[in-house]
PDB file of N, CA and C in Angstrom:
ATOM      1  N   MET A   1    -100.867  63.485 -35.565  1.00  0.00           N
ATOM      2  CA  MET A   1    -101.932  63.772 -36.485  1.00  0.00           C
ATOM      3  C   MET A   1    -101.424  63.474 -37.895  1.00  0.00           C
ATOM      4  N   PRO A   2    -102.211  62.802 -38.694  1.00  0.00           N
ATOM      5  CA  PRO A   2    -101.744  62.444 -40.032  1.00  0.00           C
ATOM      6  C   PRO A   2    -101.636  63.673 -40.934  1.00  0.00           C
ATOM      7  N   HIS A   3    -100.708  63.616 -41.855  1.00  0.00           N
ATOM      8  CA  HIS A   3    -100.497  64.696 -42.809  1.00  0.00           C
ATOM      9  C   HIS A   3    -101.154  64.309 -44.129  1.00  0.00           C
ATOM     10  N   PHE A   4    -102.059  65.147 -44.616  1.00  0.00           N
ATOM     11  CA  PHE A   4    -102.742  64.891 -45.876  1.00  0.00           C
ATOM     12  C   PHE A   4    -102.136  65.779 -46.958  1.00  0.00           C
ATOM     13  N   SER A   5    -101.913  65.201 -48.113  1.00  0.00           N
ATOM     14  CA  SER A   5    -101.403  65.992 -49.235  1.00  0.00           C
ATOM     15  C   SER A   5    -102.548  66.784 -49.862  1.00  0.00           C
ATOM     16  N   GLY A   6    -102.230  67.682 -50.763  1.00  0.00           N
ATOM     17  CA  GLY A   6    -103.237  68.507 -51.413  1.00  0.00           C
ATOM     18  C   GLY A   6    -104.214  67.687 -52.232  1.00  0.00           C
ATOM     19  N   SER A   7    -103.695  66.660 -52.918  1.00  0.00           N
ATOM     20  CA  SER A   7    -104.595  65.836 -53.734  1.00  0.00           C
ATOM     21  C   SER A   7    -105.546  65.022 -52.864  1.00  0.00           C
ATOM     22  N   THR A   8    -105.097  64.588 -51.691  1.00  0.00           N
ATOM     23  CA  THR A   8    -105.964  63.842 -50.777  1.00  0.00           C
ATOM     24  C   THR A   8    -107.089  64.739 -50.265  1.00  0.00           C
ATOM     25  N   LEU A   9    -106.760  65.966 -49.889  1.00  0.00           N
ATOM     26  CA  LEU A   9    -107.777  66.891 -49.407  1.00  0.00           C
ATOM     27  C   LEU A   9    -108.773  67.234 -50.516  1.00  0.00           C
ATOM     28  N   LEU A  10    -108.293  67.404 -51.736  1.00  0.00           N
ATOM     29  CA  LEU A  10    -109.174  67.688 -52.866  1.00  0.00           C
ATOM     30  C   LEU A  10    -110.124  66.523 -53.106  1.00  0.00           C
ATOM     31  N   MET A  11    -109.612  65.294 -53.048  1.00  0.00           N
ATOM     32  CA  MET A  11    -110.440  64.103 -53.241  1.00  0.00           C
ATOM     33  C   MET A  11    -111.506  64.011 -52.144  1.00  0.00           C
ATOM     34  N   MET A  12    -111.134  64.318 -50.894  1.00  0.00           N
ATOM     35  CA  MET A  12    -112.100  64.284 -49.798  1.00  0.00           C
ATOM     36  C   MET A  12    -113.181  65.339 -50.005  1.00  0.00           C
ATOM     37  N   LEU A  13    -112.822  66.513 -50.487  1.00  0.00           N
ATOM     38  CA  LEU A  13    -113.794  67.564 -50.760  1.00  0.00           C
ATOM     39  C   LEU A  13    -114.757  67.148 -51.868  1.00  0.00           C
ATOM     40  N   VAL A  14    -114.250  66.504 -52.916  1.00  0.00           N
ATOM     41  CA  VAL A  14    -115.104  66.045 -54.021  1.00  0.00           C
ATOM     42  C   VAL A  14    -116.075  64.976 -53.526  1.00  0.00           C
ATOM     43  N   VAL A  15    -115.601  64.052 -52.714  1.00  0.00           N
ATOM     44  CA  VAL A  15    -116.470  62.998 -52.177  1.00  0.00           C
ATOM     45  C   VAL A  15    -117.549  63.608 -51.284  1.00  0.00           C
ATOM     46  N   ALA A  16    -117.171  64.567 -50.433  1.00  0.00           N
ATOM     47  CA  ALA A  16    -118.151  65.228 -49.565  1.00  0.00           C
ATOM     48  C   ALA A  16    -119.177  65.985 -50.395  1.00  0.00           C
ATOM     49  N   LEU A  17    -118.730  66.616 -51.471  1.00  0.00           N
ATOM     50  CA  LEU A  17    -119.638  67.353 -52.347  1.00  0.00           C
ATOM     51  C   LEU A  17    -120.626  66.410 -53.024  1.00  0.00           C
ATOM     52  N   LEU A  18    -120.142  65.235 -53.429  1.00  0.00           N
ATOM     53  CA  LEU A  18    -121.029  64.250 -54.055  1.00  0.00           C
ATOM     54  C   LEU A  18    -122.025  63.661 -53.055  1.00  0.00           C
ATOM     55  N   LEU A  19    -121.573  63.436 -51.832  1.00  0.00           N
ATOM     56  CA  LEU A  19    -122.443  62.835 -50.817  1.00  0.00           C
ATOM     57  C   LEU A  19    -123.529  63.804 -50.339  1.00  0.00           C
ATOM     58  N   PHE A  20    -123.147  65.043 -50.049  1.00  0.00           N
ATOM     59  CA  PHE A  20    -124.072  65.972 -49.413  1.00  0.00           C
ATOM     60  C   PHE A  20    -124.688  66.979 -50.373  1.00  0.00           C
ATOM     61  N   GLY A  21    -124.075  67.207 -51.497  1.00  0.00           N
ATOM     62  CA  GLY A  21    -124.611  68.174 -52.457  1.00  0.00           C
ATOM     63  C   GLY A  21    -124.113  69.571 -52.183  1.00  0.00           C
ATOM     64  N   PRO A  22    -124.168  70.438 -53.209  1.00  0.00           N
ATOM     65  CA  PRO A  22    -123.622  71.792 -53.059  1.00  0.00           C
ATOM     66  C   PRO A  22    -124.429  72.687 -52.125  1.00  0.00           C
ATOM     67  N   LYS A  23    -125.701  72.394 -51.903  1.00  0.00           N
ATOM     68  CA  LYS A  23    -126.515  73.239 -51.025  1.00  0.00           C
ATOM     69  C   LYS A  23    -126.321  72.875 -49.555  1.00  0.00           C
ATOM     70  N   LYS A  24    -126.082  71.620 -49.271  1.00  0.00           N
ATOM     71  CA  LYS A  24    -125.991  71.153 -47.887  1.00  0.00           C
ATOM     72  C   LYS A  24    -124.582  71.348 -47.309  1.00  0.00           C
ATOM     73  N   LEU A  25    -123.553  71.346 -48.144  1.00  0.00           N
ATOM     74  CA  LEU A  25    -122.169  71.416 -47.667  1.00  0.00           C
ATOM     75  C   LEU A  25    -121.878  72.709 -46.889  1.00  0.00           C
ATOM     76  N   PRO A  26    -122.257  73.905 -47.360  1.00  0.00           N
ATOM     77  CA  PRO A  26    -122.002  75.113 -46.551  1.00  0.00           C
ATOM     78  C   PRO A  26    -122.732  75.093 -45.212  1.00  0.00           C
ATOM     79  N   GLU A  27    -123.935  74.523 -45.198  1.00  0.00           N
ATOM     80  CA  GLU A  27    -124.692  74.428 -43.949  1.00  0.00           C
ATOM     81  C   GLU A  27    -123.973  73.513 -42.954  1.00  0.00           C
ATOM     82  N   LEU A  28    -123.432  72.419 -43.425  1.00  0.00           N
ATOM     83  CA  LEU A  28    -122.674  71.520 -42.552  1.00  0.00           C
ATOM     84  C   LEU A  28    -121.429  72.212 -42.014  1.00  0.00           C
ATOM     85  N   GLY A  29    -120.752  72.978 -42.861  1.00  0.00           N
ATOM     86  CA  GLY A  29    -119.569  73.714 -42.420  1.00  0.00           C
ATOM     87  C   GLY A  29    -119.892  74.735 -41.346  1.00  0.00           C
ATOM     88  N   ARG A  30    -120.991  75.455 -41.512  1.00  0.00           N
ATOM     89  CA  ARG A  30    -121.403  76.433 -40.508  1.00  0.00           C
ATOM     90  C   ARG A  30    -121.740  75.764 -39.181  1.00  0.00           C
ATOM     91  N   SER A  31    -122.469  74.669 -39.234  1.00  0.00           N
ATOM     92  CA  SER A  31    -122.844  73.997 -37.988  1.00  0.00           C
ATOM     93  C   SER A  31    -121.613  73.414 -37.294  1.00  0.00           C
ATOM     94  N   PHE A  32    -120.659  72.936 -38.064  1.00  0.00           N
ATOM     95  CA  PHE A  32    -119.417  72.432 -37.473  1.00  0.00           C
ATOM     96  C   PHE A  32    -118.647  73.577 -36.818  1.00  0.00           C
ATOM     97  N   GLY A  33    -118.604  74.730 -37.470  1.00  0.00           N
ATOM     98  CA  GLY A  33    -117.930  75.898 -36.905  1.00  0.00           C
ATOM     99  C   GLY A  33    -118.580  76.372 -35.616  1.00  0.00           C
ATOM    100  N   ARG A  34    -119.924  76.394 -35.585  1.00  0.00           N
ATOM    101  CA  ARG A  34    -120.638  76.788 -34.363  1.00  0.00           C
ATOM    102  C   ARG A  34    -120.350  75.824 -33.224  1.00  0.00           C
ATOM    103  N   THR A  35    -120.352  74.537 -33.546  1.00  0.00           N
ATOM    104  CA  THR A  35    -120.083  73.530 -32.522  1.00  0.00           C
ATOM    105  C   THR A  35    -118.676  73.690 -31.964  1.00  0.00           C
ATOM    106  N   LEU A  36    -117.720  73.902 -32.829  1.00  0.00           N
ATOM    107  CA  LEU A  36    -116.332  74.073 -32.395  1.00  0.00           C
ATOM    108  C   LEU A  36    -116.180  75.334 -31.544  1.00  0.00           C
ATOM    109  N   ARG A  37    -116.830  76.419 -31.932  1.00  0.00           N
ATOM    110  CA  ARG A  37    -116.765  77.668 -31.166  1.00  0.00           C
ATOM    111  C   ARG A  37    -117.374  77.488 -29.781  1.00  0.00           C
ATOM    112  N   GLU A  38    -118.524  76.815 -29.685  1.00  0.00           N
ATOM    113  CA  GLU A  38    -119.152  76.577 -28.382  1.00  0.00           C
ATOM    114  C   GLU A  38    -118.285  75.695 -27.500  1.00  0.00           C
ATOM    115  N   PHE A  39    -117.643  74.701 -28.097  1.00  0.00           N
ATOM    116  CA  PHE A  39    -116.757  73.826 -27.324  1.00  0.00           C
ATOM    117  C   PHE A  39    -115.581  74.616 -26.763  1.00  0.00           C
ATOM    118  N   LYS A  40    -114.988  75.490 -27.599  1.00  0.00           N
ATOM    119  CA  LYS A  40    -113.849  76.287 -27.141  1.00  0.00           C
ATOM    120  C   LYS A  40    -114.257  77.235 -26.021  1.00  0.00           C
ATOM    121  N   SER A  41    -115.416  77.881 -26.165  1.00  0.00           N
ATOM    122  CA  SER A  41    -115.844  78.813 -25.121  1.00  0.00           C
ATOM    123  C   SER A  41    -116.163  78.067 -23.821  1.00  0.00           C
ATOM    124  N   GLY A  42    -116.755  76.894 -23.922  1.00  0.00           N
ATOM    125  CA  GLY A  42    -117.021  76.094 -22.721  1.00  0.00           C
ATOM    126  C   GLY A  42    -115.744  75.634 -22.048  1.00  0.00           C
ATOM    127  N   ALA A  43    -114.758  75.249 -22.837  1.00  0.00           N
ATOM    128  CA  ALA A  43    -113.481  74.825 -22.264  1.00  0.00           C
ATOM    129  C   ALA A  43    -112.775  76.001 -21.603  1.00  0.00           C
ATOM    130  N   LYS A  44    -112.883  77.188 -22.203  1.00  0.00           N
ATOM    131  CA  LYS A  44    -112.258  78.367 -21.614  1.00  0.00           C
ATOM    132  C   LYS A  44    -112.941  78.745 -20.308  1.00  0.00           C
ATOM    133  N   GLU A  45    -114.277  78.669 -20.271  1.00  0.00           N
ATOM    134  CA  GLU A  45    -115.011  78.968 -19.035  1.00  0.00           C
ATOM    135  C   GLU A  45    -114.609  78.011 -17.925  1.00  0.00           C
ATOM    136  N   ALA A  46    -114.476  76.742 -18.255  1.00  0.00           N
ATOM    137  CA  ALA A  46    -114.104  75.750 -17.237  1.00  0.00           C
ATOM    138  C   ALA A  46    -112.691  76.005 -16.728  1.00  0.00           C
ATOM    139  N   ALA A  47    -111.794  76.456 -17.608  1.00  0.00           N
ATOM    140  CA  ALA A  47    -110.426  76.730 -17.188  1.00  0.00           C
ATOM    141  C   ALA A  47    -110.348  78.011 -16.375  1.00  0.00           C
ATOM    142  N   ASP A  48    -111.219  78.983 -16.655  1.00  0.00           N
ATOM    143  CA  ASP A  48    -111.192  80.258 -15.947  1.00  0.00           C
ATOM    144  C   ASP A  48    -111.805  80.184 -14.555  1.00  0.00           C
ATOM    145  N   GLU A  49    -112.698  79.229 -14.328  1.00  0.00           N
ATOM    146  CA  GLU A  49    -113.314  79.114 -13.011  1.00  0.00           C
ATOM    147  C   GLU A  49    -112.273  78.715 -11.985  1.00  0.00           C
ATOM    148  N   GLU A  50    -112.338  79.367 -10.832  1.00  0.00           N
ATOM    149  CA  GLU A  50    -111.410  79.011  -9.768  1.00  0.00           C
ATOM    150  C   GLU A  50    -111.904  77.743  -9.082  1.00  0.00           C
ATOM    151  N   PRO A  51    -111.006  76.829  -8.811  1.00  0.00           N
ATOM    152  CA  PRO A  51    -111.440  75.619  -8.106  1.00  0.00           C
ATOM    153  C   PRO A  51    -111.857  75.966  -6.680  1.00  0.00           C
ATOM    154  N   GLU A  52    -112.815  75.244  -6.174  1.00  0.00           N
ATOM    155  CA  GLU A  52    -113.272  75.473  -4.809  1.00  0.00           C
ATOM    156  C   GLU A  52    -112.150  75.132  -3.836  1.00  0.00           C
ATOM    157  N   ALA A  53    -112.131  75.851  -2.730  1.00  0.00           N
ATOM    158  CA  ALA A  53    -111.090  75.615  -1.729  1.00  0.00           C
ATOM    159  C   ALA A  53    -111.282  74.231  -1.138  1.00  0.00           C
ATOM    160  N   LEU A  54    -110.263  73.433  -1.248  1.00  0.00           N
ATOM    161  CA  LEU A  54    -110.301  72.087  -0.694  1.00  0.00           C
ATOM    162  C   LEU A  54    -109.743  72.119   0.717  1.00  0.00           C
ATOM    163  N   PRO A  55    -110.266  71.304   1.618  1.00  0.00           N
ATOM    164  CA  PRO A  55    -109.717  71.278   2.969  1.00  0.00           C
ATOM    165  C   PRO A  55    -108.272  70.770   2.939  1.00  0.00           C
ATOM    166  N   ARG A  56    -107.450  71.392   3.774  1.00  0.00           N
ATOM    167  CA  ARG A  56    -106.050  70.986   3.810  1.00  0.00           C
ATOM    168  C   ARG A  56    -105.927  69.651   4.539  1.00  0.00           C
ATOM    169  N   PRO A  57    -105.124  68.754   4.028  1.00  0.00           N
ATOM    170  CA  PRO A  57    -104.952  67.462   4.707  1.00  0.00           C
ATOM    171  C   PRO A  57    -104.175  67.641   6.007  1.00  0.00           C
ATOM    172  N   ARG A  58    -104.523  66.815   6.970  1.00  0.00           N
ATOM    173  CA  ARG A  58    -103.811  66.859   8.242  1.00  0.00           C
ATOM    174  C   ARG A  58    -102.423  66.277   8.052  1.00  0.00           C
ATOM    175  N   PRO A  59    -101.417  66.888   8.674  1.00  0.00           N
ATOM    176  CA  PRO A  59    -100.054  66.340   8.529  1.00  0.00           C
ATOM    177  C   PRO A  59     -99.947  65.003   9.237  1.00  0.00           C
ATOM    178  N   SER A  60     -99.153  64.131   8.664  1.00  0.00           N
ATOM    179  CA  SER A  60     -98.943  62.827   9.300  1.00  0.00           C
ATOM    180  C   SER A  60     -98.024  63.006  10.493  1.00  0.00           C
ATOM    181  N   SER A  61     -97.904  61.983  11.319  1.00  0.00           N
ATOM    182  CA  SER A  61     -97.090  62.088  12.530  1.00  0.00           C
ATOM    183  C   SER A  61     -95.621  62.312  12.185  1.00  0.00           C
ATOM    184  N   ALA A  62     -95.157  61.839  11.049  1.00  0.00           N
ATOM    185  CA  ALA A  62     -93.774  62.043  10.653  1.00  0.00           C
ATOM    186  C   ALA A  62     -93.527  63.497  10.258  1.00  0.00           C
ATOM    187  N   GLU A  63     -94.546  64.187   9.724  1.00  0.00           N
ATOM    188  CA  GLU A  63     -94.394  65.565   9.285  1.00  0.00           C
ATOM    189  C   GLU A  63     -94.606  66.555  10.425  1.00  0.00           C
ATOM    190  N   SER A  64     -95.276  66.142  11.483  1.00  0.00           N
ATOM    191  CA  SER A  64     -95.632  67.030  12.572  1.00  0.00           C
ATOM    192  C   SER A  64     -94.475  67.173  13.548  1.00  0.00           C
ATOM    193  N   ASP A  65     -94.221  68.442  13.989  1.00  0.00           N
ATOM    194  CA  ASP A  65     -93.174  68.672  14.982  1.00  0.00           C
ATOM    195  C   ASP A  65     -93.657  68.257  16.367  1.00  0.00           C
ATOM    196  N   GLU A  66     -94.920  68.519  16.626  1.00  0.00           N
ATOM    197  CA  GLU A  66     -95.496  68.169  17.918  1.00  0.00           C
ATOM    198  C   GLU A  66     -96.232  66.853  17.788  1.00  0.00           C
ATOM    199  N   ARG A  67     -96.100  66.056  18.790  1.00  0.00           N
ATOM    200  CA  ARG A  67     -96.792  64.785  18.779  1.00  0.00           C
ATOM    201  C   ARG A  67     -98.030  64.910  19.643  1.00  0.00           C
ATOM    202  N   THR A  68     -99.172  64.560  19.092  1.00  0.00           N
ATOM    203  CA  THR A  68    -100.407  64.655  19.880  1.00  0.00           C
ATOM    204  C   THR A  68    -100.491  63.461  20.801  1.00  0.00           C
ATOM    205  N   PRO A  69    -100.928  63.722  22.018  1.00  0.00           N
ATOM    206  CA  PRO A  69    -101.005  62.601  22.974  1.00  0.00           C
ATOM    207  C   PRO A  69    -102.102  61.621  22.586  1.00  0.00           C
ATOM    208  N   VAL A  70    -101.829  60.373  22.816  1.00  0.00           N
ATOM    209  CA  VAL A  70    -102.777  59.305  22.544  1.00  0.00           C
ATOM    210  C   VAL A  70    -103.267  58.797  23.890  1.00  0.00           C
ATOM    211  N   VAL A  71    -104.571  58.492  23.966  1.00  0.00           N
ATOM    212  CA  VAL A  71    -105.136  58.005  25.216  1.00  0.00           C
ATOM    213  C   VAL A  71    -104.465  56.717  25.609  1.00  0.00           C
ATOM    214  N   GLY A  72    -104.044  56.640  26.849  1.00  0.00           N
ATOM    215  CA  GLY A  72    -103.400  55.441  27.354  1.00  0.00           C
ATOM    216  C   GLY A  72    -101.896  55.491  27.218  1.00  0.00           C
ATOM    217  N   GLU A  73    -101.378  56.521  26.597  1.00  0.00           N
ATOM    218  CA  GLU A  73     -99.946  56.615  26.430  1.00  0.00           C
ATOM    219  C   GLU A  73     -99.413  57.617  27.459  1.00  0.00           C
ATOM    220  N   GLY A  74     -98.316  57.361  28.044  1.00  0.00           N
ATOM    221  CA  GLY A  74     -97.747  58.272  29.016  1.00  0.00           C
ATOM    222  C   GLY A  74     -96.702  57.558  29.843  1.00  0.00           C
ATOM    223  N   PRO A  75     -96.159  58.270  30.761  1.00  0.00           N
ATOM    224  CA  PRO A  75     -95.126  57.643  31.615  1.00  0.00           C
ATOM    225  C   PRO A  75     -95.755  56.582  32.522  1.00  0.00           C
ATOM    226  N   LEU A  76     -95.002  55.541  32.749  1.00  0.00           N
ATOM    227  CA  LEU A  76     -95.482  54.460  33.614  1.00  0.00           C
ATOM    228  C   LEU A  76     -95.138  54.668  35.031  1.00  0.00           C
TER     229      LEU A  76
END
C-alpha cells in the first residue's frame, strides 16, 4: 500500500472539497462508512457460517488396506 505524506493527504482533501463542496463531503464520508461497515459485517457472517458437510472421498486402491473384488478377477 502506498505511503502518503501529510502534504499529499492535505492536497487530496482540498481537491475533494473543491470538487464536491463543503455540504456534500460529509454526506459522502457517511455513505462510505456505512458501505464499509456493511461489507465488514457481511464478510464476518460468511466467515462465521459453518461449511456444509462435504461427502468424504473414497480411498484409492493404494490407500485401502482391503482390496475390493473386481468382476472377472479371481483364481484361475
